[in-house]
Protein backbone atom coordinates (compact mmCIF):
# COMPACT_ATOMS: atom_id res chain seq x y z
CA MET A 1 -26.75 55.42 54.77
CA SER A 2 -26.38 51.98 56.19
CA THR A 3 -28.66 49.12 55.19
CA SER A 4 -29.73 46.43 57.61
CA THR A 5 -28.57 42.91 56.87
CA THR A 6 -32.14 41.69 57.10
CA ASP A 7 -33.10 43.91 54.18
CA ARG A 8 -30.42 42.54 51.88
CA PRO A 9 -31.47 40.02 49.22
CA ALA A 10 -30.34 36.43 49.67
CA THR A 11 -27.08 35.64 47.96
CA GLY A 12 -26.51 32.72 45.62
CA GLY A 13 -24.83 30.71 48.34
CA GLY A 14 -27.85 30.83 50.63
CA ARG A 15 -30.25 27.86 50.95
CA ARG A 16 -33.67 28.40 49.43
CA THR A 17 -36.66 27.47 51.49
CA PRO A 18 -38.85 24.84 49.79
CA PRO A 19 -42.30 26.02 48.89
CA VAL A 20 -45.04 25.08 51.30
CA GLY A 21 -48.36 24.15 49.76
CA GLY A 22 -47.29 25.45 46.35
CA GLU A 23 -46.21 23.75 43.13
CA PRO A 24 -44.08 20.57 43.47
CA ARG A 25 -40.40 20.75 42.73
CA PRO A 26 -39.30 20.15 39.11
CA ALA A 27 -37.56 16.91 40.11
CA GLU A 28 -40.65 15.60 41.87
CA ARG A 29 -42.85 16.61 38.92
CA HIS A 30 -40.52 14.85 36.48
CA ALA A 31 -40.53 11.69 38.61
CA TRP A 32 -44.34 11.73 38.74
CA ILE A 33 -44.62 12.16 34.97
CA SER A 34 -42.09 9.38 34.39
CA THR A 35 -43.99 7.03 36.73
CA ARG A 36 -47.27 7.86 35.03
CA GLU A 37 -45.76 7.15 31.60
CA ARG A 38 -44.44 3.79 32.81
CA LEU A 39 -47.84 2.87 34.19
CA ALA A 40 -49.50 3.86 30.91
CA ALA A 41 -46.99 1.86 28.88
CA GLY A 42 -47.50 -1.12 31.19
CA GLY A 43 -51.26 -0.84 30.76
CA PHE A 44 -50.95 -0.93 26.98
CA MET A 45 -48.51 -3.89 27.08
CA ALA A 46 -50.46 -5.89 29.66
CA PRO A 47 -52.95 -7.51 27.19
CA ALA A 48 -50.16 -8.69 24.89
CA VAL A 49 -48.08 -9.99 27.80
CA LEU A 50 -51.13 -11.76 29.21
CA LEU A 51 -51.89 -13.43 25.86
CA VAL A 52 -48.28 -14.58 25.47
CA ALA A 53 -48.26 -15.94 29.02
CA VAL A 54 -51.57 -17.77 28.62
CA PHE A 55 -51.11 -19.21 25.13
CA LEU A 56 -47.32 -19.71 24.96
CA LEU A 57 -45.54 -19.72 28.31
CA ALA A 58 -48.13 -21.64 30.32
CA PRO A 59 -48.46 -24.50 27.75
CA PHE A 60 -44.67 -24.69 27.46
CA VAL A 61 -44.24 -24.94 31.23
CA TRP A 62 -46.94 -27.62 31.33
CA THR A 63 -45.21 -29.50 28.49
CA ILE A 64 -41.93 -29.53 30.41
CA HIS A 65 -43.78 -30.75 33.50
CA ARG A 66 -45.61 -33.48 31.54
CA SER A 67 -42.39 -34.73 29.96
CA PHE A 68 -41.21 -36.02 33.35
CA PHE A 69 -44.22 -38.28 33.83
CA ALA A 70 -44.98 -41.72 32.45
CA ASP A 71 -47.62 -42.49 29.83
CA THR A 72 -49.81 -44.59 32.11
CA ARG A 73 -53.16 -43.45 33.46
CA THR A 74 -51.69 -42.88 36.90
CA SER A 75 -48.91 -40.76 35.31
CA ALA A 76 -46.18 -41.73 37.75
CA PHE A 77 -43.14 -39.49 37.95
CA SER A 78 -40.53 -41.08 35.67
CA TRP A 79 -37.65 -38.61 35.85
CA PHE A 80 -35.74 -38.66 32.51
CA ASP A 81 -37.16 -41.90 31.10
CA ASN A 82 -38.92 -40.09 28.25
CA TYR A 83 -35.68 -38.34 27.31
CA THR A 84 -33.52 -41.47 27.44
CA ARG A 85 -35.87 -42.92 24.82
CA PHE A 86 -34.02 -40.81 22.25
CA ALA A 87 -30.93 -42.95 22.80
CA SER A 88 -32.77 -46.28 22.84
CA ASP A 89 -35.51 -45.83 20.22
CA PRO A 90 -34.16 -46.12 16.64
CA ALA A 91 -37.21 -44.27 15.30
CA LEU A 92 -36.41 -41.18 17.38
CA THR A 93 -32.72 -41.37 16.48
CA ARG A 94 -33.69 -41.42 12.79
CA SER A 95 -36.10 -38.55 13.47
CA ILE A 96 -33.24 -36.39 14.76
CA GLN A 97 -31.17 -37.27 11.67
CA ASN A 98 -34.04 -36.33 9.37
CA THR A 99 -34.58 -33.07 11.24
CA LEU A 100 -30.93 -32.12 10.75
CA LEU A 101 -31.18 -33.01 7.05
CA TRP A 102 -34.28 -30.86 6.74
CA VAL A 103 -32.59 -27.92 8.45
CA VAL A 104 -29.55 -28.06 6.16
CA GLY A 105 -31.60 -28.64 3.01
CA THR A 106 -34.26 -26.04 3.69
CA VAL A 107 -31.63 -23.40 4.50
CA VAL A 108 -29.09 -24.05 1.74
CA LEU A 109 -31.36 -24.77 -1.24
CA PRO A 110 -33.78 -21.79 -0.97
CA PHE A 111 -30.87 -19.45 -0.25
CA VAL A 112 -28.69 -20.59 -3.16
CA LEU A 113 -31.55 -21.01 -5.65
CA GLY A 114 -33.28 -17.80 -4.58
CA LEU A 115 -30.11 -15.74 -4.91
CA ALA A 116 -29.19 -17.29 -8.27
CA ILE A 117 -32.68 -16.82 -9.76
CA ALA A 118 -32.91 -13.26 -8.43
CA CYS A 119 -29.56 -12.34 -10.00
CA MET A 120 -30.46 -13.97 -13.34
CA THR A 121 -33.93 -12.41 -13.58
CA ASP A 122 -33.00 -8.93 -12.33
CA ALA A 123 -33.53 -6.38 -15.13
CA THR A 124 -33.94 -8.98 -17.88
CA ARG A 125 -36.51 -9.03 -20.66
CA PHE A 126 -38.56 -11.93 -19.33
CA SER A 127 -37.95 -11.20 -15.65
CA ARG A 128 -41.62 -10.77 -14.72
CA LEU A 129 -42.66 -14.08 -16.30
CA ALA A 130 -39.73 -15.90 -14.69
CA ARG A 131 -40.52 -14.42 -11.28
CA LEU A 132 -44.17 -15.43 -11.61
CA CYS A 133 -43.23 -19.03 -12.40
CA VAL A 134 -40.88 -19.19 -9.41
CA VAL A 135 -43.08 -17.34 -6.92
CA LEU A 136 -46.35 -19.09 -7.82
CA PRO A 137 -45.61 -22.29 -5.78
CA TYR A 138 -45.16 -20.17 -2.66
CA ALA A 139 -48.83 -19.20 -2.88
CA LEU A 140 -49.82 -22.86 -2.51
CA SER A 141 -50.31 -24.56 0.83
CA GLY A 142 -47.98 -27.30 1.98
CA SER A 143 -50.72 -29.89 1.51
CA ALA A 144 -51.32 -28.79 -2.09
CA VAL A 145 -47.59 -28.98 -2.82
CA ALA A 146 -47.53 -32.47 -1.31
CA VAL A 147 -50.40 -33.60 -3.56
CA VAL A 148 -48.57 -32.31 -6.65
CA TRP A 149 -45.32 -34.04 -5.72
CA ASN A 150 -47.11 -37.23 -4.75
CA PHE A 151 -48.47 -37.38 -8.30
CA MET A 152 -44.90 -37.09 -9.55
CA LEU A 153 -43.01 -39.34 -7.13
CA THR A 154 -45.17 -42.45 -6.77
CA THR A 155 -43.98 -45.67 -8.39
CA ASP A 156 -46.23 -45.13 -11.43
CA GLY A 157 -45.95 -41.36 -11.20
CA ALA A 158 -44.92 -38.74 -13.73
CA VAL A 159 -41.18 -38.89 -12.99
CA ASN A 160 -40.88 -42.64 -13.60
CA GLN A 161 -43.08 -42.44 -16.70
CA VAL A 162 -40.88 -39.72 -18.20
CA LEU A 163 -37.73 -41.70 -17.43
CA THR A 164 -39.21 -44.80 -19.02
CA SER A 165 -40.36 -42.94 -22.12
CA VAL A 166 -36.85 -41.56 -22.80
CA GLY A 167 -35.15 -44.92 -22.30
CA LEU A 168 -33.85 -44.29 -18.79
CA ASP A 169 -36.07 -46.82 -17.09
CA SER A 170 -33.06 -48.07 -15.10
CA PHE A 171 -33.26 -44.83 -13.09
CA ALA A 172 -36.95 -45.31 -12.32
CA GLN A 173 -37.54 -46.27 -8.70
CA GLY A 174 -39.86 -45.86 -5.74
CA TRP A 175 -38.79 -42.36 -4.79
CA LEU A 176 -40.68 -42.38 -1.48
CA LEU A 177 -39.84 -45.93 -0.39
CA THR A 178 -36.18 -45.92 0.66
CA TRP A 179 -34.19 -43.74 3.06
CA PRO A 180 -32.46 -41.31 2.67
CA GLY A 181 -33.71 -40.79 -0.88
CA ASN A 182 -37.29 -40.23 0.25
CA THR A 183 -36.19 -37.54 2.71
CA LEU A 184 -34.06 -35.83 0.07
CA VAL A 185 -36.84 -35.67 -2.54
CA MET A 186 -39.20 -34.20 0.07
CA ILE A 187 -36.58 -31.56 0.85
CA LEU A 188 -36.48 -30.77 -2.89
CA ALA A 189 -40.27 -30.45 -2.90
CA ASN A 190 -40.08 -28.05 0.03
CA ALA A 191 -37.34 -26.04 -1.71
CA TRP A 192 -39.54 -25.81 -4.84
CA GLN A 193 -42.14 -24.04 -2.73
CA ALA A 194 -39.87 -22.01 -0.43
CA THR A 195 -37.59 -20.57 -3.13
CA GLY A 196 -40.27 -18.09 -4.23
CA VAL A 197 -40.14 -15.92 -1.13
CA ALA A 198 -36.32 -15.98 -1.21
CA VAL A 199 -36.41 -14.69 -4.80
CA ILE A 200 -38.73 -11.84 -3.81
CA LEU A 201 -36.55 -10.78 -0.89
CA PHE A 202 -33.32 -10.97 -2.86
CA LEU A 203 -34.85 -8.96 -5.72
CA VAL A 204 -35.79 -6.24 -3.25
CA GLY A 205 -32.25 -6.28 -1.92
CA LEU A 206 -30.72 -6.13 -5.41
CA GLN A 207 -32.89 -3.21 -6.44
CA SER A 208 -31.85 -1.27 -3.33
CA ILE A 209 -28.14 -1.43 -4.23
CA PRO A 210 -27.01 1.96 -5.60
CA PRO A 211 -25.84 1.62 -9.25
CA GLU A 212 -22.99 4.01 -8.50
CA THR A 213 -21.23 1.40 -6.40
CA LEU A 214 -21.27 -1.12 -9.26
CA GLU A 215 -20.09 1.53 -11.72
CA ALA A 216 -17.26 2.48 -9.38
CA GLY A 217 -16.22 -1.15 -9.09
CA SER A 218 -16.28 -1.53 -12.86
CA LEU A 219 -14.12 1.55 -13.30
CA ASP A 220 -11.65 0.13 -10.79
CA GLY A 221 -11.30 -2.98 -12.96
CA ALA A 222 -13.47 -5.38 -10.95
CA GLY A 223 -14.99 -8.19 -12.97
CA SER A 224 -18.54 -9.53 -12.63
CA TRP A 225 -17.60 -12.13 -10.01
CA GLN A 226 -15.54 -9.61 -8.02
CA GLN A 227 -18.41 -7.12 -8.06
CA PHE A 228 -20.82 -9.80 -6.91
CA ARG A 229 -18.53 -11.02 -4.14
CA HIS A 230 -17.23 -7.70 -2.80
CA ILE A 231 -20.10 -5.30 -3.57
CA VAL A 232 -23.39 -7.15 -4.00
CA LEU A 233 -23.11 -9.85 -1.31
CA PRO A 234 -22.10 -7.49 1.54
CA GLN A 235 -25.05 -5.21 0.76
CA LEU A 236 -27.40 -8.21 0.70
CA ARG A 237 -26.47 -9.21 4.27
CA PRO A 238 -29.69 -7.87 5.90
CA VAL A 239 -31.82 -9.75 3.34
CA SER A 240 -29.69 -12.87 3.75
CA ILE A 241 -30.31 -12.84 7.51
CA ILE A 242 -34.07 -12.76 6.92
CA VAL A 243 -33.99 -15.53 4.29
CA ILE A 244 -31.84 -17.85 6.40
CA GLY A 245 -33.90 -17.18 9.52
CA MET A 246 -37.19 -17.95 7.76
CA SER A 247 -35.75 -21.07 6.13
CA LEU A 248 -34.40 -22.29 9.46
CA VAL A 249 -37.79 -21.96 11.14
CA ASN A 250 -39.62 -23.60 8.22
CA GLY A 251 -37.21 -26.53 8.19
CA LEU A 252 -37.62 -27.23 11.89
CA LYS A 253 -41.41 -27.08 11.86
CA SER A 254 -42.01 -29.02 8.61
CA PHE A 255 -45.02 -31.27 9.05
CA ASP A 256 -47.77 -31.00 6.42
CA LEU A 257 -45.61 -31.89 3.41
CA ILE A 258 -44.14 -34.95 5.15
CA TRP A 259 -47.47 -36.10 6.53
CA VAL A 260 -49.32 -35.95 3.22
CA LEU A 261 -46.52 -37.61 1.23
CA THR A 262 -45.42 -40.43 3.54
CA GLN A 263 -47.00 -39.96 7.00
CA GLY A 264 -43.49 -40.52 8.31
CA GLY A 265 -43.16 -43.89 6.56
CA PRO A 266 -42.36 -46.36 5.32
CA GLY A 267 -42.35 -47.50 8.91
CA ARG A 268 -41.08 -44.35 10.62
CA ALA A 269 -38.13 -43.73 8.32
CA THR A 270 -39.02 -40.18 7.20
CA GLU A 271 -40.24 -38.73 10.49
CA THR A 272 -38.88 -35.43 11.72
CA LEU A 273 -39.22 -34.32 15.33
CA ALA A 274 -42.43 -32.44 14.53
CA VAL A 275 -43.97 -35.57 12.97
CA SER A 276 -42.67 -37.78 15.79
CA MET A 277 -44.23 -35.46 18.36
CA TYR A 278 -47.63 -35.79 16.67
CA ASN A 279 -47.25 -39.54 16.22
CA GLU A 280 -46.23 -40.23 19.83
CA THR A 281 -48.88 -37.96 21.36
CA PHE A 282 -51.98 -38.61 19.28
CA LEU A 283 -51.45 -41.94 17.50
CA GLU A 284 -49.37 -43.94 19.97
CA LEU A 285 -51.16 -42.26 22.93
CA ARG A 286 -47.91 -41.55 24.76
CA PRO A 287 -48.24 -37.92 25.87
CA GLY A 288 -45.15 -38.06 28.08
CA ALA A 289 -42.94 -39.09 25.17
CA GLY A 290 -44.60 -36.50 22.93
CA ALA A 291 -43.96 -33.78 25.50
CA ALA A 292 -40.29 -34.79 25.73
CA ILE A 293 -39.97 -34.57 21.94
CA ALA A 294 -41.57 -31.12 22.01
CA VAL A 295 -39.07 -29.95 24.63
CA VAL A 296 -36.12 -31.32 22.64
CA LEU A 297 -37.41 -29.65 19.47
CA THR A 298 -37.78 -26.34 21.32
CA VAL A 299 -34.23 -26.59 22.64
CA ILE A 300 -32.93 -27.26 19.12
CA VAL A 301 -34.84 -24.27 17.73
CA LEU A 302 -33.61 -21.94 20.47
CA ALA A 303 -30.01 -23.17 20.20
CA ALA A 304 -29.93 -22.84 16.41
CA SER A 305 -31.50 -19.38 16.55
CA TRP A 306 -29.13 -18.23 19.28
CA LEU A 307 -26.01 -19.48 17.49
CA TYR A 308 -27.10 -17.93 14.20
CA LEU A 309 -28.11 -14.56 15.68
CA ARG A 310 -24.98 -14.36 17.84
CA ARG A 311 -22.80 -14.94 14.80
CA GLN A 312 -24.62 -12.25 12.86
CA LEU A 313 -24.35 -9.77 15.74
CA ASP A 314 -20.64 -10.55 16.17
CA VAL A 315 -20.05 -9.92 12.47
CA LYS A 316 -21.91 -6.61 12.68
CA GLY A 317 -20.00 -5.66 15.80
CA GLU A 318 -16.70 -5.98 13.98
């Protein structure tokens, strides 16, 4: 018995008629759900983005704009006059030098001292007491640290009195009076405070290293230095990135310790860019110059961070 072609079911090659007034297609439904999720995510992120724009981006844009204007009441457009002051003003040139010294000192000293103290106090008998003594200064504010070191470094302070009492009075001097010695002793004071957090982070990293790796290295004939160099240091890379990054930021924004100890003096010999920015804006009443210093400091921070992070990412990519 023959069957009409109209009664045959549609084959796989036939085109299906889209539903009319029924459920939407799966692709359309997926696109709608994806759009709704994006809108919801944007709604949750909007307050944070708005706060960043209002309190960070807008002031930074205004600072860049203000740096191109003079310091007079009429605020005439002065092009790059505020930036050329870096080349003509010896105080700002010295400020850049001090900032670079602070960056190097506040990165190298906490890293080296923190790693050394962490390795020496890891799993020792008096490790808790030693860690407490090292970490305790980190709990103090920068102003409190400055007061302590001011008591030690003044001309009649504790350091000179100790040197005089042991017959080394020839080494006694005004530690905060001459450059670059005054900058170096302030970097030491900062390292005394900042080493504590480096010790904590390195101890966490050391305790996360599997003992089996050290035992395997010992069985292969590796000495203590070889184990430290080829086993411990590579596994401390994530912690090292954090320590160096924090130290870099702290060195570039150092203000309270310098201000309490010397206020950038004598003269303006110990100013960093952060101190110079405050001095030019609020004490010398030159907001254009202060804005230019802020822009230069921001560029230095971004460039240093970018170079450091790119190097770390390149190493990881290998």
